[in-house]
Structures are given as C-alpha cells and as structure tokens.
Amino acid sequence: MKSSDGFDARRLRPRGPRNWRMRLAAALAALFACFGILLAMAGTATLLGRPASLGALNDSPVAAVVLVALGVLLLWIGIIGWRLFRRRMRRTSDLNMAPHLMKKRN
C-alpha cells in the first residue's frame, strides 16, 4: 500500500512536553516505599530481640509494633503511588487516532 504525499506518521504520536512533576512524584513515591521497608525492618529487628537501631525511638515492643505498622503503611502507599504515577506518565503516549478507525469492518 502506497502512502500519500500528505501523510506524516509523526502526527500519530505527538511529542508533548515531558511531565517532570509526574517523574518527581513517582521518585518520591519510590522513596516512601524504601523508607517504609527500612522502618519495618528496624521495628522487626527490635521485636526479634536485636539491639535498637533507632535509639530511643523503638525501645519498647509497643513502639516496635508501631514502627512495623508505619513501615508497612508507607511501603503500601509508596507502591500504590509509584504505580499510579507511572501509569499516568505512560498514558499520554497512546496513539491519537479516531476511534472509528480502530474498528474492524466486515
């Protein structure tokens, strides 16, 4: 099939300005997830009888349980946020074609 002279394939994928806010938000969400892992590990170490890794912050078992819960919560929020922002960053790269052109005709 021969393409016409006025056809430009670059129009199907227009390159808009990069969204640095989404990238920054995804990086921040990944940092939250890493910080959540570290907090959960510190709380678990205290519960297992190892020396306190955060000083007076997790001396008691109750404080260690709070650290584990906070760490798991931060990990969960970080993963959800990272996935959401990555999905939003990739959404703009879809083809900009009219829906009726995508249908199969019999």
Protein backbone atom coordinates (compact mmCIF):
# COMPACT_ATOMS: atom_id res chain seq x y z
CA MET A 1 0.00 0.00 0.00
CA LYS A 2 1.42 3.33 -1.01
CA SER A 3 1.21 6.25 1.39
CA SER A 4 0.02 9.57 0.13
CA ASP A 5 2.23 12.63 -0.04
CA GLY A 6 0.44 14.42 2.81
CA PHE A 7 0.82 11.56 5.30
CA ASP A 8 3.10 12.19 8.26
CA ALA A 9 3.49 9.31 10.73
CA ARG A 10 4.88 11.63 13.40
CA ARG A 11 1.42 13.17 13.79
CA LEU A 12 0.14 9.90 15.26
CA ARG A 13 2.49 10.23 18.24
CA PRO A 14 2.87 13.89 19.02
CA ARG A 15 5.70 14.59 21.43
CA GLY A 16 4.42 16.91 24.08
CA PRO A 17 6.47 18.47 26.80
CA ARG A 18 7.78 15.99 29.34
CA ASN A 19 5.93 15.97 32.61
CA TRP A 20 8.64 16.41 35.24
CA ARG A 21 6.08 16.65 38.04
CA MET A 22 4.93 13.09 37.43
CA ARG A 23 8.51 11.84 37.37
CA LEU A 24 9.30 13.66 40.59
CA ALA A 25 6.14 12.30 42.22
CA ALA A 26 6.99 8.74 41.11
CA ALA A 27 10.51 9.12 42.54
CA LEU A 28 9.09 10.44 45.81
CA ALA A 29 6.66 7.51 45.99
CA ALA A 30 9.57 5.10 45.44
CA LEU A 31 11.46 6.81 48.27
CA PHE A 32 8.42 6.38 50.53
CA ALA A 33 8.41 2.67 49.70
CA CYS A 34 12.13 2.37 50.52
CA PHE A 35 11.70 4.28 53.75
CA GLY A 36 8.76 2.02 54.64
CA ILE A 37 10.92 -1.07 54.14
CA LEU A 38 13.63 0.38 56.37
CA LEU A 39 11.17 1.29 59.13
CA ALA A 40 9.56 -2.14 59.02
CA MET A 41 12.97 -3.82 59.19
CA ALA A 42 14.01 -1.68 62.18
CA GLY A 43 10.80 -2.49 64.02
CA THR A 44 11.10 -6.19 63.23
CA ALA A 45 14.71 -6.23 64.47
CA THR A 46 13.59 -4.79 67.79
CA LEU A 47 10.78 -7.34 68.09
CA LEU A 48 13.23 -10.18 67.44
CA GLY A 49 15.45 -9.06 70.31
CA ARG A 50 18.21 -7.32 68.42
CA PRO A 51 19.59 -4.01 69.72
CA ALA A 52 17.51 -0.95 68.94
CA SER A 53 18.60 0.51 65.62
CA LEU A 54 16.76 3.82 66.01
CA GLY A 55 17.88 4.63 69.54
CA ALA A 56 15.14 5.62 71.95
CA LEU A 57 12.54 5.65 69.18
CA ASN A 58 11.84 1.92 69.40
CA ASP A 59 12.96 0.80 72.86
CA SER A 60 9.69 -0.87 73.80
CA PRO A 61 7.84 -3.64 71.95
CA VAL A 62 4.81 -1.37 71.51
CA ALA A 63 6.92 1.24 69.74
CA ALA A 64 8.44 -1.51 67.59
CA VAL A 65 4.98 -2.70 66.53
CA VAL A 66 4.05 0.90 65.68
CA LEU A 67 7.22 1.16 63.57
CA VAL A 68 6.42 -2.06 61.72
CA ALA A 69 2.85 -0.90 61.06
CA LEU A 70 4.04 2.53 59.91
CA GLY A 71 6.67 0.92 57.70
CA VAL A 72 4.16 -1.40 56.04
CA LEU A 73 1.76 1.51 55.55
CA LEU A 74 4.48 3.65 53.95
CA LEU A 75 5.51 0.73 51.75
CA TRP A 76 1.93 0.20 50.61
CA ILE A 77 1.36 3.92 49.92
CA GLY A 78 4.67 4.15 48.07
CA ILE A 79 3.94 1.19 45.81
CA ILE A 80 0.40 2.36 45.02
CA GLY A 81 1.63 5.90 44.31
CA TRP A 82 4.52 4.72 42.16
CA ARG A 83 2.26 2.54 40.04
CA LEU A 84 -0.32 5.33 39.69
CA PHE A 85 2.20 7.96 38.61
CA ARG A 86 3.94 5.58 36.20
CA ARG A 87 0.57 4.77 34.63
CA ARG A 88 -0.23 8.47 34.25
CA MET A 89 3.16 9.15 32.67
CA ARG A 90 2.62 6.44 30.06
CA ARG A 91 -0.98 7.38 29.28
CA THR A 92 0.00 10.33 27.08
CA SER A 93 1.99 8.16 24.66
CA ASP A 94 -1.08 6.46 23.21
CA LEU A 95 -1.85 6.81 19.54
CA ASN A 96 -4.08 9.76 18.75
CA MET A 97 -6.34 8.07 16.27
CA ALA A 98 -10.06 8.43 15.92
CA PRO A 99 -11.98 5.52 17.49
CA HIS A 100 -13.83 4.66 14.28
CA LEU A 101 -10.53 3.99 12.54
CA MET A 102 -9.73 1.23 15.03
CA LYS A 103 -12.87 -0.82 14.29
CA LYS A 104 -12.78 -3.89 12.10
CA ARG A 105 -15.14 -3.79 9.19
CA ASN A 106 -16.88 -6.87 7.81
